[in-house]
């Protein structure tokens, strides 16, 4: 609290520090102020300096003395201090206060986010039975093993490793990722084509800023991941919505002229419907991109979690023309706080993307990258992934079983073959009732999240995005049982409408 501004005589600096504390109500009216001797000792100044400052505060009415009791903040401040307090806090609506002019980029971002922070951490408390999507089960993660690997790297870090790292990421991690992607996803790349990023959201931002000029057209799926739309619209792109069916993006409905700059797709597990794009549709997407001269951004956000059928190789593995940008993240495979993801770039984009990233963050943290490279090369990552896949499969089965038991034909399920969420359509349930349903569920300790925010045009059906990874099987059963009781209750009297939007943006990175 006692920060001196370093300007002018020392006693005036002390005076301003105490005055500022009074105006900000850090020192409330009637509060006893420190003695001159104690205050001088705390600040490391002479007692005479504090006495001079107190004399000025006393003469201006900020403090008052009580004989035999000490010095206190005045309880009746002068009337002209009201305006001073407002000005000091920046609350005054005065023509004299400078209002900076925002750039077009900042104005677009402000308008697109409606003043909400683009953050993946929820702004509301976790519910007892929270079906929020995007959060892995932290109890599944081998925390002790990770700490041992990280600690070993920290103890053995060389002086060179304490310096700035390369903007495209440590070679050790890029090598481990390229090897992993080849054997698990069929991605064809060298370590030089891999760039380490702070999660997939940074990958989207880099792609938008380096590839899209204002007014150029970008295709996104409908429904879609809002973080992608915001990244491209903030860059000034004109969004073209590509409808999604049970096989993903409907390529035949897309424009084929050369005005399309980029297409954002989630072929392995469409977000949020869960559709998986078959091989024929993937070939069609690549042919379409070649025809209109577009690039493809493939967001492979949770394809590692597949429960039925043979995994389909990444779209990037089928690309022979260098049109696919492949992005992934460790947020759901490890933990979100790690803040590490990756991009696999066509060779022609490596240099410009690396340069753009270097201008924004000068590289991701080296120690965590090196520890993650060790974690992968020593087999810990693969073992953790296998265990997580098995446990999440059981949670998925528990969710499907609970929905069938408690809601039966009242619910239509989609997106069950992969990922960490399902999409549940409520038959015969009016969309307008979703905000009230969400509110009543929260009162019973159940967190549910309507699918509406993931559509540009609200769907005609009422749908819920139900994540299951962060819950245990018993919790899933209990939560769905409570939700079913609420759904089956007759609708209450109408209340003021709510937005029905989740407090986060859904997919997360």
Protein backbone atom coordinates (compact mmCIF):
# COMPACT_ATOMS: atom_id res chain seq x y z
CA UNK A 1 0.00 0.00 0.00
CA UNK A 2 2.79 2.42 0.89
CA UNK A 3 4.33 3.07 -2.53
CA UNK A 4 6.24 6.31 -3.02
CA UNK A 5 6.11 7.75 -6.51
CA UNK A 6 9.69 9.07 -6.51
CA UNK A 7 8.74 12.61 -7.60
CA UNK A 8 9.58 15.74 -5.61
CA UNK A 9 10.56 16.12 -1.96
CA UNK A 10 10.32 12.99 0.16
CA UNK A 11 7.73 14.40 2.57
CA UNK A 12 5.43 15.16 -0.40
CA UNK A 13 5.81 11.60 -1.65
CA UNK A 14 4.75 10.33 1.79
CA UNK A 15 1.85 12.81 1.81
CA UNK A 16 0.62 11.61 -1.60
CA UNK A 17 0.89 7.93 -0.61
CA UNK A 18 -1.29 8.42 2.48
CA UNK A 19 -3.73 10.68 0.63
CA UNK A 20 -4.07 8.05 -2.12
CA UNK A 21 -4.83 5.36 0.48
CA UNK A 22 -7.53 7.59 2.00
CA UNK A 23 -9.13 8.43 -1.36
CA UNK A 24 -9.14 4.75 -2.37
CA UNK A 25 -10.66 3.89 1.04
CA UNK A 26 -7.73 1.58 1.78
CA UNK A 27 -7.72 3.71 4.92
CA UNK A 28 -11.41 4.04 5.78
CA UNK A 29 -12.83 7.05 7.69
CA UNK A 30 -12.09 6.70 11.38
CA UNK A 31 -9.17 4.32 10.82
CA UNK A 32 -6.12 4.94 12.98
CA UNK A 33 -3.06 5.86 10.93
CA UNK A 34 0.42 4.61 11.90
CA UNK A 35 2.41 6.66 14.40
CA UNK A 36 5.04 8.91 12.89
CA UNK A 37 7.80 6.82 14.47
CA UNK A 38 6.42 3.47 13.22
CA UNK A 39 5.60 4.85 9.77
CA UNK A 40 9.08 6.32 9.37
CA UNK A 41 10.59 2.96 10.30
CA UNK A 42 8.40 1.11 7.77
CA UNK A 43 9.31 3.50 4.96
CA UNK A 44 12.97 3.84 5.88
CA UNK A 45 12.77 7.63 6.11
CA UNK A 46 13.36 10.10 8.93
CA UNK A 47 10.61 10.81 11.44
CA UNK A 48 10.71 14.53 10.52
CA UNK A 49 9.76 13.59 6.93
CA UNK A 50 6.62 11.82 8.15
CA UNK A 51 5.79 14.64 10.56
CA UNK A 52 5.88 17.15 7.67
CA UNK A 53 3.62 14.88 5.58
CA UNK A 54 1.15 14.44 8.46
CA UNK A 55 1.09 18.22 9.09
CA UNK A 56 0.00 18.80 5.48
CA UNK A 57 -2.66 16.04 5.65
CA UNK A 58 -3.91 17.51 8.91
CA UNK A 59 -4.12 21.05 7.52
CA UNK A 60 -6.09 19.82 4.48
CA UNK A 61 -8.55 17.87 6.58
CA UNK A 62 -7.59 14.32 5.57
CA UNK A 63 -6.62 13.27 9.10
CA UNK A 64 -7.48 14.44 12.59
CA UNK A 65 -5.88 14.01 15.99
CA UNK A 66 -7.59 12.84 19.14
CA UNK A 67 -5.85 13.92 22.31
CA UNK A 68 -4.41 10.94 24.11
CA UNK A 69 -5.59 8.48 21.40
CA UNK A 70 -3.50 9.18 18.30
CA UNK A 71 -4.16 10.21 14.69
CA UNK A 72 -7.12 8.98 12.62
CA UNK A 73 -8.54 9.36 9.13
CA UNK A 74 -11.11 12.16 9.26
CA UNK A 75 -14.71 10.95 9.53
CA UNK A 76 -16.10 14.12 7.95
CA UNK A 77 -14.01 14.74 4.85
CA UNK A 78 -14.41 18.11 3.13
CA UNK A 79 -17.14 18.19 0.46
CA UNK A 80 -14.67 18.96 -2.30
CA UNK A 81 -13.03 15.55 -1.67
CA UNK A 82 -16.06 13.80 -3.21
CA UNK A 83 -15.00 14.94 -6.64
CA UNK A 84 -11.37 14.11 -5.85
CA UNK A 85 -12.28 10.55 -4.91
CA UNK A 86 -14.25 10.09 -8.14
CA UNK A 87 -11.40 11.48 -10.22
CA UNK A 88 -8.77 9.40 -8.42
CA UNK A 89 -10.73 6.21 -9.15
CA UNK A 90 -11.35 7.11 -12.77
CA UNK A 91 -15.14 7.15 -12.28
CA UNK A 92 -15.71 10.72 -13.33
CA UNK A 93 -17.54 11.17 -16.60
CA UNK A 94 -15.69 14.26 -17.71
CA UNK A 95 -14.73 15.60 -21.09
CA UNK A 96 -11.26 16.07 -19.64
CA UNK A 97 -10.67 12.33 -19.29
CA UNK A 98 -8.91 10.93 -22.33
CA UNK A 99 -10.65 8.05 -24.10
CA UNK A 100 -8.21 6.15 -26.32
CA UNK A 101 -9.36 5.18 -29.80
CA UNK A 102 -9.26 1.43 -30.31
CA UNK A 103 -7.92 -0.17 -33.46
CA UNK A 104 -10.31 -1.91 -35.83
CA UNK A 105 -8.94 -5.21 -34.52
CA UNK A 106 -9.71 -4.32 -30.90
CA UNK A 107 -13.20 -3.07 -31.79
CA UNK A 108 -13.98 -6.29 -33.63
CA UNK A 109 -12.77 -8.36 -30.70
CA UNK A 110 -14.80 -6.31 -28.22
CA UNK A 111 -17.95 -6.65 -30.30
CA UNK A 112 -17.48 -10.37 -30.96
CA UNK A 113 -16.96 -11.29 -27.31
CA UNK A 114 -19.71 -8.98 -26.01
CA UNK A 115 -17.35 -7.72 -23.35
CA UNK A 116 -16.65 -11.21 -21.98
CA UNK A 117 -13.09 -12.31 -21.43
CA UNK A 118 -12.01 -14.95 -23.92
CA UNK A 119 -11.06 -17.39 -21.20
CA UNK A 120 -11.48 -21.12 -20.85
CA UNK A 121 -11.69 -20.99 -17.08
CA UNK A 122 -15.29 -20.85 -15.96
CA UNK A 123 -16.49 -17.65 -14.28
CA UNK A 124 -18.90 -19.64 -12.13
CA UNK A 125 -18.29 -22.27 -9.44
CA UNK A 126 -18.07 -25.93 -10.31
CA UNK A 127 -21.29 -27.81 -9.67
CA UNK A 128 -21.46 -31.04 -7.69
CA UNK A 129 -22.26 -32.93 -10.90
CA UNK A 130 -20.71 -30.77 -13.59
CA UNK A 131 -21.02 -31.97 -17.19
CA UNK A 132 -18.83 -29.15 -18.48
CA UNK A 133 -16.87 -30.04 -21.57
CA UNK A 134 -13.14 -29.37 -21.99
CA UNK A 135 -11.78 -30.42 -18.63
CA UNK A 136 -9.90 -33.75 -18.32
CA UNK A 137 -9.95 -35.79 -15.13
CA UNK A 138 -6.97 -34.53 -13.16
CA UNK A 139 -7.01 -37.60 -10.95
CA UNK A 140 -6.16 -39.71 -14.02
CA UNK A 141 -2.92 -37.87 -14.65
CA UNK A 142 0.28 -39.47 -13.26
CA UNK A 143 1.20 -36.39 -11.28
CA UNK A 144 4.07 -37.98 -9.36
CA UNK A 145 5.70 -39.25 -12.55
CA UNK A 146 5.38 -35.85 -14.20
CA UNK A 147 6.89 -34.12 -11.16
CA UNK A 148 9.81 -36.54 -11.18
CA UNK A 149 10.51 -35.93 -14.88
CA UNK A 150 10.09 -32.17 -14.53
CA UNK A 151 12.29 -32.05 -11.43
CA UNK A 152 15.02 -34.05 -13.12
CA UNK A 153 15.04 -31.60 -16.04
CA UNK A 154 15.13 -28.65 -13.64
CA UNK A 155 18.07 -30.07 -11.67
CA UNK A 156 20.06 -30.85 -14.80
CA UNK A 157 19.24 -27.67 -16.73
CA UNK A 158 22.33 -26.20 -18.32
CA UNK A 159 23.05 -22.49 -18.52
CA UNK A 160 22.12 -22.63 -22.20
CA UNK A 161 18.70 -24.04 -21.35
CA UNK A 162 18.00 -21.08 -19.07
CA UNK A 163 18.27 -18.69 -22.02
CA UNK A 164 15.51 -17.80 -24.48
CA UNK A 165 14.39 -20.82 -26.46
CA UNK A 166 13.73 -20.95 -30.21
CA UNK A 167 10.36 -19.39 -31.17
CA UNK A 168 9.28 -22.55 -32.99
CA UNK A 169 9.94 -24.69 -29.90
CA UNK A 170 12.61 -27.02 -28.59
CA UNK A 171 13.88 -29.53 -31.12
CA UNK A 172 13.60 -32.35 -28.54
CA UNK A 173 9.83 -31.85 -28.24
CA UNK A 174 9.25 -31.21 -31.94
CA UNK A 175 11.01 -34.48 -32.69
CA UNK A 176 8.95 -36.39 -30.11
CA UNK A 177 5.71 -34.92 -31.47
CA UNK A 178 6.49 -35.70 -35.11
CA UNK A 179 7.28 -39.32 -34.21
CA UNK A 180 4.12 -39.64 -32.10
CA UNK A 181 1.86 -38.13 -34.78
CA UNK A 182 3.21 -40.46 -37.46
CA UNK A 183 2.47 -43.66 -35.56
CA UNK A 184 -0.78 -42.54 -33.93
CA UNK A 185 -2.46 -40.25 -36.48
CA UNK A 186 -0.72 -40.90 -39.80
CA UNK A 187 0.58 -37.32 -39.94
CA UNK A 188 3.49 -36.99 -42.37
CA UNK A 189 6.00 -34.39 -41.23
CA UNK A 190 9.54 -33.66 -40.11
CA UNK A 191 10.43 -31.97 -36.81
CA UNK A 192 11.17 -28.81 -38.82
CA UNK A 193 7.49 -28.57 -39.80
CA UNK A 194 6.33 -28.59 -36.16
CA UNK A 195 5.85 -25.34 -34.24
CA UNK A 196 5.16 -25.41 -30.50
CA UNK A 197 2.38 -23.03 -29.45
CA UNK A 198 0.57 -22.06 -26.26
CA UNK A 199 -2.44 -24.23 -27.03
CA UNK A 200 -4.57 -24.49 -30.14
CA UNK A 201 -6.06 -21.03 -29.64
CA UNK A 202 -2.68 -19.47 -30.38
CA UNK A 203 -2.46 -21.70 -33.44
CA UNK A 204 -5.77 -20.27 -34.66
CA UNK A 205 -4.64 -16.73 -33.96
CA UNK A 206 -1.37 -17.25 -35.85
CA UNK A 207 -3.19 -18.72 -38.84
CA UNK A 208 -5.70 -15.87 -38.87
CA UNK A 209 -3.11 -13.12 -38.65
CA UNK A 210 -0.64 -14.58 -41.16
CA UNK A 211 -3.05 -15.96 -43.75
CA UNK A 212 -6.22 -13.84 -43.74
CA UNK A 213 -6.62 -10.21 -44.76
CA UNK A 214 -9.73 -8.19 -43.85
CA UNK A 215 -12.57 -9.00 -46.23
CA UNK A 216 -11.27 -12.41 -47.27
CA UNK A 217 -13.60 -15.38 -46.82
CA UNK A 218 -13.06 -18.22 -44.34
CA UNK A 219 -15.23 -21.34 -44.13
CA UNK A 220 -16.15 -22.63 -40.69
CA UNK A 221 -18.39 -25.53 -39.82
CA UNK A 222 -21.96 -24.89 -38.66
CA UNK A 223 -22.23 -25.64 -35.76
CA UNK A 224 -18.69 -24.75 -34.81
CA UNK A 225 -16.08 -23.99 -32.14
CA UNK A 226 -16.60 -20.29 -31.18
CA UNK A 227 -12.90 -19.72 -30.50
CA UNK A 228 -12.15 -20.35 -34.18
CA UNK A 229 -14.85 -18.01 -35.41
CA UNK A 230 -13.67 -15.25 -33.07
CA UNK A 231 -10.05 -15.64 -34.20
CA UNK A 232 -10.96 -15.31 -37.88
CA UNK A 233 -13.60 -12.61 -37.53
CA UNK A 234 -11.27 -10.54 -35.37
CA UNK A 235 -8.76 -10.71 -38.21
CA UNK A 236 -11.48 -9.20 -40.42
CA UNK A 237 -12.51 -12.34 -42.29
CA UNK A 238 -15.93 -12.79 -43.83
CA UNK A 239 -17.30 -16.04 -42.44
CA UNK A 240 -18.91 -18.62 -44.73
CA UNK A 241 -20.89 -21.23 -42.80
CA UNK A 242 -20.54 -24.81 -44.05
CA UNK A 243 -23.37 -27.04 -42.88
CA UNK A 244 -22.58 -30.27 -41.05
CA UNK A 245 -24.36 -33.62 -41.35
CA UNK A 246 -23.68 -37.04 -39.82
CA UNK A 247 -20.44 -37.24 -41.87
CA UNK A 248 -19.11 -33.81 -41.01
CA UNK A 249 -18.70 -30.81 -43.30
CA UNK A 250 -20.95 -30.94 -46.37
CA UNK A 251 -18.38 -30.17 -49.04
CA UNK A 252 -20.88 -30.14 -51.91
CA UNK A 253 -22.58 -27.05 -50.47
CA UNK A 254 -19.41 -24.92 -50.31
CA UNK A 255 -18.57 -22.16 -52.81
CA UNK A 256 -15.77 -23.08 -55.20
CA UNK A 257 -14.51 -19.68 -56.33
CA UNK A 258 -11.08 -18.31 -55.44
CA UNK A 259 -12.47 -15.89 -52.84
CA UNK A 260 -12.12 -18.58 -50.14
CA UNK A 261 -8.83 -18.20 -48.27
CA UNK A 262 -9.12 -20.89 -45.60
CA UNK A 263 -11.44 -23.58 -44.23
CA UNK A 264 -11.52 -24.57 -40.55
CA UNK A 265 -12.54 -28.21 -40.02
CA UNK A 266 -12.64 -30.82 -37.23
CA UNK A 267 -12.82 -34.02 -39.30
CA UNK A 268 -11.87 -36.62 -36.68
CA UNK A 269 -14.55 -35.53 -34.21
CA UNK A 270 -16.65 -32.61 -35.39
CA UNK A 271 -17.21 -30.04 -32.68
CA UNK A 272 -19.79 -30.08 -31.22
CA UNK A 273 -21.87 -32.73 -33.05
CA UNK A 274 -19.25 -35.50 -32.77
CA UNK A 275 -19.55 -36.54 -36.42
CA UNK A 276 -16.54 -38.36 -37.90
CA UNK A 277 -15.66 -37.57 -41.50
CA UNK A 278 -15.24 -40.76 -43.60
CA UNK A 279 -12.40 -41.18 -46.05
CA UNK A 280 -14.45 -40.29 -49.12
CA UNK A 281 -15.58 -37.00 -47.61
CA UNK A 282 -11.98 -36.21 -46.65
CA UNK A 283 -10.86 -36.73 -50.23
CA UNK A 284 -13.66 -34.39 -51.32
CA UNK A 285 -12.47 -31.70 -48.90
CA UNK A 286 -8.92 -31.85 -50.29
CA UNK A 287 -10.20 -31.72 -53.87
CA UNK A 288 -12.39 -28.73 -53.03
CA UNK A 289 -9.43 -26.88 -51.46
CA UNK A 290 -7.33 -27.48 -54.56
CA UNK A 291 -10.12 -26.30 -56.85
CA UNK A 292 -10.62 -22.96 -55.09
CA UNK A 293 -6.99 -22.44 -54.03
CA UNK A 294 -7.74 -22.56 -50.30
CA UNK A 295 -5.85 -23.79 -47.25
CA UNK A 296 -7.34 -26.12 -44.63
CA UNK A 297 -6.91 -25.75 -40.88
CA UNK A 298 -7.41 -29.23 -39.35
CA UNK A 299 -8.15 -29.01 -35.62
CA UNK A 300 -7.50 -32.48 -34.21
CA UNK A 301 -8.43 -31.52 -30.67
CA UNK A 302 -9.34 -34.88 -29.07
CA UNK A 303 -9.05 -37.65 -31.68
CA UNK A 304 -6.95 -39.80 -29.33
CA UNK A 305 -10.14 -40.76 -27.50
CA UNK A 306 -11.93 -43.12 -29.87
CA UNK A 307 -14.08 -45.94 -28.51
CA UNK A 308 -15.59 -47.80 -31.47
CA UNK A 309 -14.34 -48.51 -34.98
CA UNK A 310 -10.92 -48.08 -36.49
CA UNK A 311 -9.36 -44.62 -36.11
CA UNK A 312 -9.35 -42.66 -39.35
CA UNK A 313 -6.03 -41.11 -40.30
CA UNK A 314 -5.63 -37.36 -40.11
CA UNK A 315 -6.61 -35.29 -43.12
CA UNK A 316 -3.04 -34.03 -43.19
CA UNK A 317 -1.77 -37.54 -43.96
CA UNK A 318 -3.82 -37.57 -47.17
CA UNK A 319 -2.61 -34.15 -48.29
CA UNK A 320 -0.08 -34.24 -51.11
CA UNK A 321 -0.29 -30.59 -52.15
CA UNK A 322 0.76 -28.88 -48.90
CA UNK A 323 -2.63 -27.31 -48.18
CA UNK A 324 -3.34 -28.65 -44.67
CA UNK A 325 -2.32 -26.98 -41.40
CA UNK A 326 -2.66 -29.55 -38.63
CA UNK A 327 -3.10 -28.46 -34.99
CA UNK A 328 -3.31 -30.34 -31.71
CA UNK A 329 -3.08 -29.66 -27.99
CA UNK A 330 -1.95 -31.36 -24.79
CA UNK A 331 -4.67 -29.67 -22.72
CA UNK A 332 -6.97 -32.69 -22.76
CA UNK A 333 -4.25 -35.33 -22.96
CA UNK A 334 -2.21 -33.89 -20.08
CA UNK A 335 -3.66 -30.84 -18.28
CA UNK A 336 -4.69 -27.35 -19.46
CA UNK A 337 -2.23 -25.43 -17.26
CA UNK A 338 0.65 -26.94 -19.25
CA UNK A 339 -0.26 -24.53 -22.08
CA UNK A 340 1.48 -26.45 -24.83
CA UNK A 341 0.11 -27.35 -28.24
CA UNK A 342 1.52 -27.70 -31.71
CA UNK A 343 1.05 -26.93 -35.38
CA UNK A 344 2.28 -29.04 -38.27
CA UNK A 345 2.80 -26.71 -41.21
CA UNK A 346 3.33 -27.12 -44.93
CA UNK A 347 6.98 -26.37 -45.64
CA UNK A 348 6.15 -23.05 -47.31
CA UNK A 349 4.49 -21.73 -44.14
CA UNK A 350 7.18 -22.64 -41.60
CA UNK A 351 9.23 -19.45 -41.94
CA UNK A 352 6.37 -16.90 -41.96
CA UNK A 353 4.54 -18.63 -39.11
CA UNK A 354 7.73 -18.84 -37.04
CA UNK A 355 8.43 -15.17 -37.65
CA UNK A 356 4.89 -14.22 -36.62
CA UNK A 357 5.14 -16.26 -33.44
CA UNK A 358 8.55 -14.78 -32.58
CA UNK A 359 6.98 -11.32 -32.71
CA UNK A 360 4.36 -12.23 -30.09
CA UNK A 361 5.93 -14.42 -27.39
CA UNK A 362 9.61 -15.19 -28.16
CA UNK A 363 8.99 -18.90 -27.61
CA UNK A 364 7.16 -21.16 -25.16
CA UNK A 365 8.74 -22.11 -21.78
CA UNK A 366 11.74 -24.37 -22.44
CA UNK A 367 11.76 -26.37 -19.20
CA UNK A 368 8.21 -27.68 -19.69
CA UNK A 369 8.97 -28.51 -23.32
CA UNK A 370 12.03 -30.53 -22.40
CA UNK A 371 10.18 -32.34 -19.62
CA UNK A 372 7.32 -33.19 -21.97
CA UNK A 373 9.79 -34.51 -24.55
CA UNK A 374 11.23 -36.83 -21.88
CA UNK A 375 7.73 -37.79 -20.73
CA UNK A 376 6.88 -38.87 -24.28
CA UNK A 377 10.15 -40.59 -25.17
CA UNK A 378 10.21 -42.61 -21.94
CA UNK A 379 6.74 -44.02 -22.63
CA UNK A 380 4.87 -42.26 -19.81
CA UNK A 381 2.67 -40.36 -22.25
CA UNK A 382 1.52 -43.47 -24.13
CA UNK A 383 0.78 -45.32 -20.88
CA UNK A 384 -1.21 -42.38 -19.54
CA UNK A 385 -3.14 -42.13 -22.80
CA UNK A 386 -4.05 -45.82 -22.76
CA UNK A 387 -5.28 -45.61 -19.16
CA UNK A 388 -7.23 -42.43 -19.84
CA UNK A 389 -8.86 -43.95 -22.91
CA UNK A 390 -10.00 -46.98 -20.89
CA UNK A 391 -11.36 -44.88 -18.03
CA UNK A 392 -13.10 -42.42 -20.32
CA UNK A 393 -14.70 -45.31 -22.19
CA UNK A 394 -16.24 -46.47 -18.91
CA UNK A 395 -17.45 -42.93 -18.16
CA UNK A 396 -18.96 -42.69 -21.62
CA UNK A 397 -20.79 -45.97 -21.10
CA UNK A 398 -22.04 -44.76 -17.73
CA UNK A 399 -23.40 -41.59 -19.34
CA UNK A 400 -25.13 -43.44 -22.17
CA UNK A 401 -26.58 -45.97 -19.72
CA UNK A 402 -27.85 -43.25 -17.39
CA UNK A 403 -29.48 -41.33 -20.22
CA UNK A 404 -31.18 -44.47 -21.47
CA UNK A 405 -32.35 -45.44 -17.98
CA UNK A 406 -33.67 -42.07 -16.87
CA UNK A 407 -34.74 -40.38 -20.12
CA UNK A 408 -35.13 -43.19 -22.65
CA UNK A 409 -36.90 -42.02 -25.81
CA UNK A 410 -36.94 -38.43 -24.55
CA UNK A 411 -33.34 -37.99 -25.64
CA UNK A 412 -31.52 -38.47 -28.96
CA UNK A 413 -27.78 -39.03 -28.64
CA UNK A 414 -25.08 -37.97 -31.08
CA UNK A 415 -21.27 -37.96 -31.17
CA UNK A 416 -20.76 -41.11 -29.09
CA UNK A 417 -17.87 -42.82 -30.90
CA UNK A 418 -15.05 -40.51 -29.88
CA UNK A 419 -14.03 -37.56 -27.80
CA UNK A 420 -14.87 -36.39 -24.30
CA UNK A 421 -18.49 -35.28 -24.75
CA UNK A 422 -21.77 -36.27 -26.33
CA UNK A 423 -24.56 -34.18 -27.80
CA UNK A 424 -27.99 -34.91 -26.31
CA UNK A 425 -31.07 -33.60 -28.13
CA UNK A 426 -34.15 -33.35 -25.88
CA UNK A 427 -37.22 -34.56 -27.77
CA UNK A 428 -40.37 -32.53 -27.18
CA UNK A 429 -38.49 -29.97 -25.08
CA UNK A 430 -38.90 -26.37 -26.22
CA UNK A 431 -35.63 -24.50 -26.83
CA UNK A 432 -36.97 -21.47 -24.97
CA UNK A 433 -37.06 -23.57 -21.79
CA UNK A 434 -33.30 -24.26 -21.78
CA UNK A 435 -32.26 -21.22 -19.69
CA UNK A 436 -34.78 -22.15 -17.00
CA UNK A 437 -33.69 -25.80 -17.15
CA UNK A 438 -30.07 -24.80 -16.72
CA UNK A 439 -30.92 -22.57 -13.77
CA UNK A 440 -33.01 -25.22 -12.04
CA UNK A 441 -30.33 -27.87 -12.66
CA UNK A 442 -27.69 -25.62 -11.11
CA UNK A 443 -29.88 -25.26 -8.01
CA UNK A 444 -29.74 -29.07 -7.72
CA UNK A 445 -25.96 -29.11 -8.17
CA UNK A 446 -26.00 -30.21 -11.83
CA UNK A 447 -24.04 -28.23 -14.42
CA UNK A 448 -25.42 -28.49 -17.97
CA UNK A 449 -24.49 -26.54 -21.09
CA UNK A 450 -26.84 -25.81 -24.02
CA UNK A 451 -25.47 -26.32 -27.51
CA UNK A 452 -27.05 -23.06 -28.72
CA UNK A 453 -23.88 -20.88 -28.47
CA UNK A 454 -22.10 -23.12 -30.98
CA UNK A 455 -24.53 -22.18 -33.74
CA UNK A 456 -24.62 -18.92 -35.67
CA UNK A 457 -28.35 -19.49 -36.12
CA UNK A 458 -29.99 -21.14 -33.09
CA UNK A 459 -31.03 -24.75 -33.75
CA UNK A 460 -34.71 -25.62 -33.75
CA UNK A 461 -34.14 -28.45 -31.27
CA UNK A 462 -33.06 -28.19 -27.64
CA UNK A 463 -29.62 -29.74 -27.21
CA UNK A 464 -27.15 -30.19 -24.38
CA UNK A 465 -23.39 -30.66 -24.66
CA UNK A 466 -22.54 -33.18 -21.93
CA UNK A 467 -18.88 -33.69 -21.04
CA UNK A 468 -18.04 -36.77 -19.01
CA UNK A 469 -14.25 -36.93 -18.61
CA UNK A 470 -14.00 -34.99 -15.34
CA UNK A 471 -16.65 -37.06 -13.52
CA UNK A 472 -16.57 -40.53 -12.01
CA UNK A 473 -19.11 -43.15 -13.12
CA UNK A 474 -21.19 -42.90 -9.95
CA UNK A 475 -21.30 -39.12 -10.21
CA UNK A 476 -22.48 -39.38 -13.82
CA UNK A 477 -25.33 -41.68 -12.81
CA UNK A 478 -26.41 -39.43 -9.95
CA UNK A 479 -26.17 -36.24 -12.01
CA UNK A 480 -28.26 -37.59 -14.90
CA UNK A 481 -30.85 -38.93 -12.46
CA UNK A 482 -31.25 -35.45 -10.99
CA UNK A 483 -31.35 -33.86 -14.44
CA UNK A 484 -34.05 -36.28 -15.59
CA UNK A 485 -36.23 -35.39 -12.59
CA UNK A 486 -36.02 -31.72 -13.53
CA UNK A 487 -36.72 -32.34 -17.24
CA UNK A 488 -39.81 -34.39 -16.42
CA UNK A 489 -41.26 -31.71 -14.15
CA UNK A 490 -43.92 -29.46 -15.70
CA UNK A 491 -42.52 -26.12 -16.87
CA UNK A 492 -42.58 -23.42 -14.18
CA UNK A 493 -44.14 -20.00 -14.57
CA UNK A 494 -42.25 -17.90 -17.13
CA UNK A 495 -39.28 -15.93 -15.81
CA UNK A 496 -37.14 -13.26 -17.45
CA UNK A 497 -35.15 -14.80 -20.32
CA UNK A 498 -31.48 -15.63 -19.93
CA UNK A 499 -28.90 -15.99 -22.62
CA UNK A 500 -28.40 -19.73 -22.03
CA UNK A 501 -24.75 -19.28 -22.92
CA UNK A 502 -22.07 -21.20 -21.08
CA UNK A 503 -19.58 -19.24 -19.07
CA UNK A 504 -16.74 -20.58 -21.19
CA UNK A 505 -16.41 -21.03 -24.93
CA UNK A 506 -16.69 -24.77 -25.02
CA UNK A 507 -14.05 -26.74 -26.84
CA UNK A 508 -11.06 -25.00 -25.30
CA UNK A 509 -7.49 -25.65 -26.27
